[in-house]
PDB file of all heavy atoms in Angstrom:
ATOM      1  N   VAL A   1      -0.743   7.224  -8.411  1.00  0.00           N
ATOM      2  CA  VAL A   1      -0.054   8.382  -8.967  1.00  0.00           C
ATOM      3  C   VAL A   1       1.219   8.537  -8.106  1.00  0.00           C
ATOM      4  O   VAL A   1       1.125   8.525  -6.886  1.00  0.00           O
ATOM      5  CB  VAL A   1      -0.884   9.624  -8.861  1.00  0.00           C
ATOM      6  CG1 VAL A   1      -0.097  10.911  -9.329  1.00  0.00           C
ATOM      7  CG2 VAL A   1      -2.200   9.510  -9.729  1.00  0.00           C
ATOM      8  N   GLY A   2       2.380   8.801  -8.729  1.00  0.00           N
ATOM      9  CA  GLY A   2       3.564   8.926  -7.919  1.00  0.00           C
ATOM     10  C   GLY A   2       4.595   9.776  -8.660  1.00  0.00           C
ATOM     11  O   GLY A   2       4.421  10.273  -9.899  1.00  0.00           O
ATOM     12  N   ALA A   3       5.754   9.893  -8.156  1.00  0.00           N
ATOM     13  CA  ALA A   3       6.886  10.639  -8.733  1.00  0.00           C
ATOM     14  C   ALA A   3       8.170  10.033  -8.252  1.00  0.00           C
ATOM     15  O   ALA A   3       8.237   9.367  -7.171  1.00  0.00           O
ATOM     16  CB  ALA A   3       6.751  12.139  -8.321  1.00  0.00           C
ATOM     17  N   ARG A   4       9.204  10.317  -9.027  1.00  0.00           N
ATOM     18  CA  ARG A   4      10.554   9.922  -8.662  1.00  0.00           C
ATOM     19  C   ARG A   4      11.449  11.239  -8.777  1.00  0.00           C
ATOM     20  O   ARG A   4      11.549  11.857  -9.824  1.00  0.00           O
ATOM     21  CB  ARG A   4      11.167   8.910  -9.725  1.00  0.00           C
ATOM     22  CG  ARG A   4      10.298   7.606  -9.840  1.00  0.00           C
ATOM     23  CD  ARG A   4      10.472   6.805  -8.629  1.00  0.00           C
ATOM     24  NE  ARG A   4       9.768   5.494  -8.777  1.00  0.00           N
ATOM     25  CZ  ARG A   4       8.608   5.212  -8.260  1.00  0.00           C
ATOM     26  NH1 ARG A   4       7.941   6.224  -7.577  1.00  0.00           N
ATOM     27  NH2 ARG A   4       8.002   4.091  -8.405  1.00  0.00           N
ATOM     28  N   VAL A   5      11.916  11.597  -7.641  1.00  0.00           N
ATOM     29  CA  VAL A   5      12.680  12.901  -7.456  1.00  0.00           C
ATOM     30  C   VAL A   5      14.030  12.623  -7.008  1.00  0.00           C
ATOM     31  O   VAL A   5      14.250  11.834  -6.004  1.00  0.00           O
ATOM     32  CB  VAL A   5      11.931  13.844  -6.560  1.00  0.00           C
ATOM     33  CG1 VAL A   5      12.705  15.192  -6.457  1.00  0.00           C
ATOM     34  CG2 VAL A   5      10.511  14.064  -6.949  1.00  0.00           C
ATOM     35  N   THR A   6      15.067  13.144  -7.631  1.00  0.00           N
ATOM     36  CA  THR A   6      16.497  13.060  -7.280  1.00  0.00           C
ATOM     37  C   THR A   6      17.009  14.470  -6.995  1.00  0.00           C
ATOM     38  O   THR A   6      16.873  15.342  -7.758  1.00  0.00           O
ATOM     39  CB  THR A   6      17.303  12.393  -8.414  1.00  0.00           C
ATOM     40  OG1 THR A   6      16.783  11.111  -8.753  1.00  0.00           O
ATOM     41  CG2 THR A   6      18.799  12.215  -7.976  1.00  0.00           C
ATOM     42  N   LEU A   7      17.689  14.573  -5.794  1.00  0.00           N
ATOM     43  CA  LEU A   7      18.212  15.817  -5.306  1.00  0.00           C
ATOM     44  C   LEU A   7      19.658  15.660  -4.872  1.00  0.00           C
ATOM     45  O   LEU A   7      20.170  14.515  -4.705  1.00  0.00           O
ATOM     46  CB  LEU A   7      17.350  16.362  -4.189  1.00  0.00           C
ATOM     47  CG  LEU A   7      15.795  16.652  -4.531  1.00  0.00           C
ATOM     48  CD1 LEU A   7      15.116  16.931  -3.236  1.00  0.00           C
ATOM     49  CD2 LEU A   7      15.729  17.684  -5.562  1.00  0.00           C
ATOM     50  N   LEU A   8      20.319  16.778  -4.628  1.00  0.00           N
ATOM     51  CA  LEU A   8      21.653  16.735  -4.004  1.00  0.00           C
ATOM     52  C   LEU A   8      22.665  16.001  -4.923  1.00  0.00           C
ATOM     53  O   LEU A   8      23.355  15.188  -4.423  1.00  0.00           O
ATOM     54  CB  LEU A   8      21.656  16.262  -2.606  1.00  0.00           C
ATOM     55  CG  LEU A   8      20.683  16.959  -1.663  1.00  0.00           C
ATOM     56  CD1 LEU A   8      20.805  16.331  -0.237  1.00  0.00           C
ATOM     57  CD2 LEU A   8      21.095  18.505  -1.524  1.00  0.00           C
ATOM     58  N   ASP A   9      22.568  16.191  -6.242  1.00  0.00           N
ATOM     59  CA  ASP A   9      23.444  15.564  -7.132  1.00  0.00           C
ATOM     60  C   ASP A   9      23.390  13.996  -7.080  1.00  0.00           C
ATOM     61  O   ASP A   9      24.304  13.287  -7.164  1.00  0.00           O
ATOM     62  CB  ASP A   9      24.978  15.990  -6.935  1.00  0.00           C
ATOM     63  CG  ASP A   9      25.126  17.449  -7.290  1.00  0.00           C
ATOM     64  OD1 ASP A   9      24.474  17.920  -8.136  1.00  0.00           O
ATOM     65  OD2 ASP A   9      25.980  18.044  -6.591  1.00  0.00           O
ATOM     66  N   GLY A  10      22.163  13.540  -6.850  1.00  0.00           N
ATOM     67  CA  GLY A  10      21.912  12.131  -6.822  1.00  0.00           C
ATOM     68  C   GLY A  10      22.064  11.453  -5.450  1.00  0.00           C
ATOM     69  O   GLY A  10      21.768  10.298  -5.253  1.00  0.00           O
ATOM     70  N   ALA A  11      22.432  12.243  -4.421  1.00  0.00           N
ATOM     71  CA  ALA A  11      22.612  11.692  -3.012  1.00  0.00           C
ATOM     72  C   ALA A  11      21.301  11.398  -2.350  1.00  0.00           C
ATOM     73  O   ALA A  11      21.245  10.666  -1.372  1.00  0.00           O
ATOM     74  CB  ALA A  11      23.510  12.603  -2.184  1.00  0.00           C
ATOM     75  N   LEU A  12      20.180  12.143  -2.750  1.00  0.00           N
ATOM     76  CA  LEU A  12      18.962  11.989  -2.118  1.00  0.00           C
ATOM     77  C   LEU A  12      17.839  11.655  -3.197  1.00  0.00           C
ATOM     78  O   LEU A  12      17.740  12.311  -4.215  1.00  0.00           O
ATOM     79  CB  LEU A  12      18.544  13.263  -1.433  1.00  0.00           C
ATOM     80  CG  LEU A  12      17.150  13.298  -0.811  1.00  0.00           C
ATOM     81  CD1 LEU A  12      17.011  12.263   0.325  1.00  0.00           C
ATOM     82  CD2 LEU A  12      16.878  14.723  -0.246  1.00  0.00           C
ATOM     83  N   SER A  13      17.156  10.578  -2.901  1.00  0.00           N
ATOM     84  CA  SER A  13      16.022  10.129  -3.791  1.00  0.00           C
ATOM     85  C   SER A  13      14.735  10.137  -2.953  1.00  0.00           C
ATOM     86  O   SER A  13      14.724   9.575  -1.890  1.00  0.00           O
ATOM     87  CB  SER A  13      16.242   8.765  -4.343  1.00  0.00           C
ATOM     88  OG  SER A  13      17.434   8.762  -5.175  1.00  0.00           O
ATOM     89  N   LEU A  14      13.653  10.731  -3.477  1.00  0.00           N
ATOM     90  CA  LEU A  14      12.382  10.712  -2.931  1.00  0.00           C
ATOM     91  C   LEU A  14      11.361  10.166  -3.863  1.00  0.00           C
ATOM     92  O   LEU A  14      11.347  10.519  -5.102  1.00  0.00           O
ATOM     93  CB  LEU A  14      11.931  12.176  -2.521  1.00  0.00           C
ATOM     94  CG  LEU A  14      12.818  12.850  -1.522  1.00  0.00           C
ATOM     95  CD1 LEU A  14      12.355  14.295  -1.400  1.00  0.00           C
ATOM     96  CD2 LEU A  14      12.774  12.139  -0.172  1.00  0.00           C
ATOM     97  N   ASN A  15      10.517   9.205  -3.325  1.00  0.00           N
ATOM     98  CA  ASN A  15       9.488   8.595  -4.131  1.00  0.00           C
ATOM     99  C   ASN A  15       8.201   8.638  -3.446  1.00  0.00           C
ATOM    100  O   ASN A  15       7.763   7.644  -2.716  1.00  0.00           O
ATOM    101  CB  ASN A  15       9.869   7.127  -4.503  1.00  0.00           C
ATOM    102  CG  ASN A  15      11.133   6.921  -5.171  1.00  0.00           C
ATOM    103  OD1 ASN A  15      11.588   7.778  -5.967  1.00  0.00           O
ATOM    104  ND2 ASN A  15      11.957   5.885  -4.783  1.00  0.00           N
ATOM    105  N   PRO A  16       7.400   9.795  -3.641  1.00  0.00           N
ATOM    106  CA  PRO A  16       6.042   9.741  -3.037  1.00  0.00           C
ATOM    107  C   PRO A  16       5.033   9.126  -3.952  1.00  0.00           C
ATOM    108  O   PRO A  16       5.094   9.181  -5.243  1.00  0.00           O
ATOM    109  CB  PRO A  16       5.783  11.303  -2.934  1.00  0.00           C
ATOM    110  CG  PRO A  16       6.615  11.874  -4.147  1.00  0.00           C
ATOM    111  CD  PRO A  16       7.826  10.968  -4.232  1.00  0.00           C
ATOM    112  N   THR A  17       4.019   8.491  -3.342  1.00  0.00           N
ATOM    113  CA  THR A  17       3.005   7.739  -4.061  1.00  0.00           C
ATOM    114  C   THR A  17       1.701   7.791  -3.327  1.00  0.00           C
ATOM    115  O   THR A  17       1.601   7.740  -2.064  1.00  0.00           O
ATOM    116  CB  THR A  17       3.373   6.217  -4.168  1.00  0.00           C
ATOM    117  OG1 THR A  17       4.650   6.085  -4.732  1.00  0.00           O
ATOM    118  CG2 THR A  17       2.362   5.487  -5.014  1.00  0.00           C
ATOM    119  N   VAL A  18       0.569   8.035  -4.054  1.00  0.00           N
ATOM    120  CA  VAL A  18      -0.786   8.027  -3.498  1.00  0.00           C
ATOM    121  C   VAL A  18      -1.501   6.935  -4.443  1.00  0.00           C
ATOM    122  O   VAL A  18      -1.263   6.849  -5.619  1.00  0.00           O
ATOM    123  CB  VAL A  18      -1.519   9.292  -3.403  1.00  0.00           C
ATOM    124  CG1 VAL A  18      -0.837  10.220  -2.494  1.00  0.00           C
ATOM    125  CG2 VAL A  18      -1.535   9.906  -4.797  1.00  0.00           C
ATOM    126  N   PHE A  19      -2.464   6.214  -3.812  1.00  0.00           N
ATOM    127  CA  PHE A  19      -3.144   5.210  -4.582  1.00  0.00           C
ATOM    128  C   PHE A  19      -4.535   4.887  -3.966  1.00  0.00           C
ATOM    129  O   PHE A  19      -4.794   5.272  -2.855  1.00  0.00           O
ATOM    130  CB  PHE A  19      -2.345   3.911  -4.646  1.00  0.00           C
ATOM    131  CG  PHE A  19      -2.044   3.259  -3.336  1.00  0.00           C
ATOM    132  CD1 PHE A  19      -2.999   2.336  -2.838  1.00  0.00           C
ATOM    133  CD2 PHE A  19      -0.920   3.628  -2.622  1.00  0.00           C
ATOM    134  CE1 PHE A  19      -2.699   1.774  -1.584  1.00  0.00           C
ATOM    135  CE2 PHE A  19      -0.657   2.990  -1.395  1.00  0.00           C
ATOM    136  CZ  PHE A  19      -1.565   2.147  -0.882  1.00  0.00           C
ATOM    137  N   GLN A  20      -5.331   4.305  -4.827  1.00  0.00           N
ATOM    138  CA  GLN A  20      -6.622   3.752  -4.360  1.00  0.00           C
ATOM    139  C   GLN A  20      -6.822   2.390  -4.939  1.00  0.00           C
ATOM    140  O   GLN A  20      -6.715   2.157  -6.119  1.00  0.00           O
ATOM    141  CB  GLN A  20      -7.809   4.696  -4.786  1.00  0.00           C
ATOM    142  CG  GLN A  20      -9.228   4.135  -4.234  1.00  0.00           C
ATOM    143  CD  GLN A  20     -10.353   5.052  -4.759  1.00  0.00           C
ATOM    144  OE1 GLN A  20     -10.866   4.848  -5.794  1.00  0.00           O
ATOM    145  NE2 GLN A  20     -10.683   6.090  -3.888  1.00  0.00           N
ATOM    146  N   LEU A  21      -7.142   1.440  -3.999  1.00  0.00           N
ATOM    147  CA  LEU A  21      -7.398   0.016  -4.406  1.00  0.00           C
ATOM    148  C   LEU A  21      -8.865  -0.252  -4.139  1.00  0.00           C
ATOM    149  O   LEU A  21      -9.364  -0.085  -3.078  1.00  0.00           O
ATOM    150  CB  LEU A  21      -6.538  -0.880  -3.539  1.00  0.00           C
ATOM    151  CG  LEU A  21      -6.778  -2.361  -3.750  1.00  0.00           C
ATOM    152  CD1 LEU A  21      -6.342  -2.791  -5.194  1.00  0.00           C
ATOM    153  CD2 LEU A  21      -5.982  -3.153  -2.740  1.00  0.00           C
ATOM    154  N   GLN A  22      -9.554  -0.707  -5.206  1.00  0.00           N
ATOM    155  CA  GLN A  22     -10.993  -1.075  -5.069  1.00  0.00           C
ATOM    156  C   GLN A  22     -11.096  -2.553  -5.236  1.00  0.00           C
ATOM    157  O   GLN A  22     -10.639  -3.132  -6.244  1.00  0.00           O
ATOM    158  CB  GLN A  22     -11.738  -0.313  -6.251  1.00  0.00           C
ATOM    159  CG  GLN A  22     -11.687   1.175  -6.142  1.00  0.00           C
ATOM    160  CD  GLN A  22     -12.397   1.853  -7.322  1.00  0.00           C
ATOM    161  OE1 GLN A  22     -12.984   1.236  -8.162  1.00  0.00           O
ATOM    162  NE2 GLN A  22     -12.341   3.189  -7.340  1.00  0.00           N
ATOM    163  N   GLN A  23     -11.732  -3.193  -4.258  1.00  0.00           N
ATOM    164  CA  GLN A  23     -11.808  -4.676  -4.288  1.00  0.00           C
ATOM    165  C   GLN A  23     -13.274  -5.097  -4.242  1.00  0.00           C
ATOM    166  O   GLN A  23     -14.099  -4.525  -3.498  1.00  0.00           O
ATOM    167  CB  GLN A  23     -11.139  -5.236  -3.006  1.00  0.00           C
ATOM    168  CG  GLN A  23      -9.645  -4.959  -2.987  1.00  0.00           C
ATOM    169  CD  GLN A  23      -9.025  -5.132  -1.610  1.00  0.00           C
ATOM    170  OE1 GLN A  23      -9.195  -4.323  -0.825  1.00  0.00           O
ATOM    171  NE2 GLN A  23      -8.346  -6.256  -1.465  1.00  0.00           N
ATOM    172  N   LYS A  24     -13.637  -6.084  -5.036  1.00  0.00           N
ATOM    173  CA  LYS A  24     -14.943  -6.633  -5.135  1.00  0.00           C
ATOM    174  C   LYS A  24     -14.943  -8.125  -4.592  1.00  0.00           C
ATOM    175  O   LYS A  24     -14.079  -8.843  -4.983  1.00  0.00           O
ATOM    176  CB  LYS A  24     -15.509  -6.568  -6.568  1.00  0.00           C
ATOM    177  CG  LYS A  24     -16.956  -7.061  -6.735  1.00  0.00           C
ATOM    178  CD  LYS A  24     -17.424  -6.913  -8.165  1.00  0.00           C
ATOM    179  CE  LYS A  24     -18.782  -7.454  -8.370  1.00  0.00           C
ATOM    180  NZ  LYS A  24     -19.789  -6.801  -7.425  1.00  0.00           N
ATOM    181  N   ASP A  25     -15.922  -8.488  -3.834  1.00  0.00           N
ATOM    182  CA  ASP A  25     -16.000  -9.728  -3.165  1.00  0.00           C
ATOM    183  C   ASP A  25     -14.752 -10.021  -2.419  1.00  0.00           C
ATOM    184  O   ASP A  25     -14.050 -11.083  -2.586  1.00  0.00           O
ATOM    185  CB  ASP A  25     -16.228 -10.857  -4.219  1.00  0.00           C
ATOM    186  CG  ASP A  25     -17.633 -10.823  -4.811  1.00  0.00           C
ATOM    187  OD1 ASP A  25     -18.549 -10.424  -4.104  1.00  0.00           O
ATOM    188  OD2 ASP A  25     -17.780 -11.156  -6.004  1.00  0.00           O
ATOM    189  N   LEU A  26     -14.431  -9.130  -1.497  1.00  0.00           N
ATOM    190  CA  LEU A  26     -13.163  -9.199  -0.711  1.00  0.00           C
ATOM    191  C   LEU A  26     -13.121 -10.500   0.065  1.00  0.00           C
ATOM    192  O   LEU A  26     -14.018 -10.830   0.827  1.00  0.00           O
ATOM    193  CB  LEU A  26     -13.203  -8.002   0.209  1.00  0.00           C
ATOM    194  CG  LEU A  26     -11.908  -7.795   1.065  1.00  0.00           C
ATOM    195  CD1 LEU A  26     -10.683  -7.434   0.275  1.00  0.00           C
ATOM    196  CD2 LEU A  26     -12.169  -6.706   2.068  1.00  0.00           C
ATOM    197  N   GLN A  27     -11.917 -11.134  -0.044  1.00  0.00           N
ATOM    198  CA  GLN A  27     -11.726 -12.369   0.726  1.00  0.00           C
ATOM    199  C   GLN A  27     -11.008 -11.972   2.089  1.00  0.00           C
ATOM    200  O   GLN A  27     -10.057 -11.297   2.085  1.00  0.00           O
ATOM    201  CB  GLN A  27     -10.828 -13.327  -0.027  1.00  0.00           C
ATOM    202  CG  GLN A  27     -11.416 -13.822  -1.332  1.00  0.00           C
ATOM    203  CD  GLN A  27     -10.442 -14.699  -2.175  1.00  0.00           C
ATOM    204  OE1 GLN A  27      -9.338 -14.956  -1.718  1.00  0.00           O
ATOM    205  NE2 GLN A  27     -10.806 -15.061  -3.332  1.00  0.00           N
ATOM    206  N   VAL A  28     -11.651 -12.482   3.165  1.00  0.00           N
ATOM    207  CA  VAL A  28     -11.174 -12.068   4.480  1.00  0.00           C
ATOM    208  C   VAL A  28     -11.021 -13.446   5.305  1.00  0.00           C
ATOM    209  O   VAL A  28     -11.887 -14.334   5.213  1.00  0.00           O
ATOM    210  CB  VAL A  28     -12.204 -11.221   5.222  1.00  0.00           C
ATOM    211  CG1 VAL A  28     -11.733 -10.999   6.708  1.00  0.00           C
ATOM    212  CG2 VAL A  28     -12.135  -9.820   4.506  1.00  0.00           C
ATOM    213  N   ARG A  29      -9.938 -13.518   6.066  1.00  0.00           N
ATOM    214  CA  ARG A  29      -9.739 -14.706   6.944  1.00  0.00           C
ATOM    215  C   ARG A  29     -10.554 -14.463   8.196  1.00  0.00           C
ATOM    216  O   ARG A  29     -10.524 -13.425   8.888  1.00  0.00           O
ATOM    217  CB  ARG A  29      -8.242 -14.727   7.358  1.00  0.00           C
ATOM    218  CG  ARG A  29      -7.992 -16.069   8.145  1.00  0.00           C
ATOM    219  CD  ARG A  29      -6.594 -16.205   8.526  1.00  0.00           C
ATOM    220  NE  ARG A  29      -6.175 -15.162   9.563  1.00  0.00           N
ATOM    221  CZ  ARG A  29      -5.013 -15.013  10.090  1.00  0.00           C
ATOM    222  NH1 ARG A  29      -3.985 -15.721   9.608  1.00  0.00           N
ATOM    223  NH2 ARG A  29      -4.753 -14.087  10.997  1.00  0.00           N
ATOM    224  N   ARG A  30     -11.383 -15.469   8.533  1.00  0.00           N
ATOM    225  CA  ARG A  30     -12.247 -15.483   9.743  1.00  0.00           C
ATOM    226  C   ARG A  30     -11.688 -16.318  10.793  1.00  0.00           C
ATOM    227  O   ARG A  30     -11.165 -17.457  10.503  1.00  0.00           O
ATOM    228  CB  ARG A  30     -13.718 -15.899   9.352  1.00  0.00           C
ATOM    229  CG  ARG A  30     -14.463 -15.006   8.498  1.00  0.00           C
ATOM    230  CD  ARG A  30     -15.931 -15.341   8.545  1.00  0.00           C
ATOM    231  NE  ARG A  30     -16.389 -15.094   9.949  1.00  0.00           N
ATOM    232  CZ  ARG A  30     -17.699 -15.482  10.256  1.00  0.00           C
ATOM    233  NH1 ARG A  30     -18.483 -16.047   9.389  1.00  0.00           N
ATOM    234  NH2 ARG A  30     -18.068 -15.306  11.519  1.00  0.00           N
ATOM    235  N   GLU A  31     -11.822 -15.893  12.029  1.00  0.00           N
ATOM    236  CA  GLU A  31     -11.474 -16.711  13.157  1.00  0.00           C
ATOM    237  C   GLU A  31     -12.658 -16.632  14.186  1.00  0.00           C
ATOM    238  O   GLU A  31     -12.920 -15.561  14.722  1.00  0.00           O
ATOM    239  CB  GLU A  31     -10.209 -16.277  13.834  1.00  0.00           C
ATOM    240  CG  GLU A  31      -8.918 -16.524  12.971  1.00  0.00           C
ATOM    241  CD  GLU A  31      -7.704 -16.174  13.702  1.00  0.00           C
ATOM    242  OE1 GLU A  31      -7.741 -15.823  14.872  1.00  0.00           O
ATOM    243  OE2 GLU A  31      -6.588 -16.313  13.045  1.00  0.00           O
ATOM    244  N   ILE A  32     -13.392 -17.690  14.428  1.00  0.00           N
ATOM    245  CA  ILE A  32     -14.463 -17.657  15.329  1.00  0.00           C
ATOM    246  C   ILE A  32     -14.433 -18.966  16.253  1.00  0.00           C
ATOM    247  O   ILE A  32     -13.725 -19.959  15.935  1.00  0.00           O
ATOM    248  CB  ILE A  32     -15.833 -17.679  14.598  1.00  0.00           C
ATOM    249  CG1 ILE A  32     -16.090 -19.001  13.794  1.00  0.00           C
ATOM    250  CG2 ILE A  32     -15.970 -16.502  13.729  1.00  0.00           C
ATOM    251  CD1 ILE A  32     -17.442 -19.040  13.184  1.00  0.00           C
ATOM    252  N   VAL A  33     -15.059 -18.880  17.341  1.00  0.00           N
ATOM    253  CA  VAL A  33     -15.177 -20.012  18.303  1.00  0.00           C
ATOM    254  C   VAL A  33     -16.633 -20.371  18.512  1.00  0.00           C
ATOM    255  O   VAL A  33     -17.432 -19.514  18.861  1.00  0.00           O
ATOM    256  CB  VAL A  33     -14.462 -19.669  19.623  1.00  0.00           C
ATOM    257  CG1 VAL A  33     -14.659 -20.848  20.628  1.00  0.00           C
ATOM    258  CG2 VAL A  33     -12.997 -19.315  19.486  1.00  0.00           C
ATOM    259  N   GLU A  34     -16.964 -21.599  18.313  1.00  0.00           N
ATOM    260  CA  GLU A  34     -18.295 -22.116  18.442  1.00  0.00           C
ATOM    261  C   GLU A  34     -18.261 -23.425  19.228  1.00  0.00           C
ATOM    262  O   GLU A  34     -17.507 -24.314  18.884  1.00  0.00           O
ATOM    263  CB  GLU A  34     -19.062 -22.275  17.149  1.00  0.00           C
ATOM    264  CG  GLU A  34     -19.460 -20.996  16.481  1.00  0.00           C
ATOM    265  CD  GLU A  34     -20.338 -21.238  15.274  1.00  0.00           C
ATOM    266  OE1 GLU A  34     -20.746 -22.430  15.011  1.00  0.00           O
ATOM    267  OE2 GLU A  34     -20.698 -20.227  14.531  1.00  0.00           O
ATOM    268  N   ALA A  35     -19.057 -23.475  20.305  1.00  0.00           N
ATOM    269  CA  ALA A  35     -19.168 -24.680  21.124  1.00  0.00           C
ATOM    270  C   ALA A  35     -17.736 -25.228  21.517  1.00  0.00           C
ATOM    271  O   ALA A  35     -17.423 -26.371  21.465  1.00  0.00           O
ATOM    272  CB  ALA A  35     -19.831 -25.804  20.317  1.00  0.00           C
ATOM    273  N   GLY A  36     -16.853 -24.267  21.849  1.00  0.00           N
ATOM    274  CA  GLY A  36     -15.541 -24.568  22.326  1.00  0.00           C
ATOM    275  C   GLY A  36     -14.520 -24.904  21.211  1.00  0.00           C
ATOM    276  O   GLY A  36     -13.461 -25.250  21.531  1.00  0.00           O
TER     277      GLY A  36
END
């Protein structure tokens, strides 16, 4: 959900946004050390 707001005769632009991302079976990079 967001908005596009223009103020000061176009000299100022504001773009606020909020969001939710839902991920299933998330892929993650692993870094581990085993036996050196």
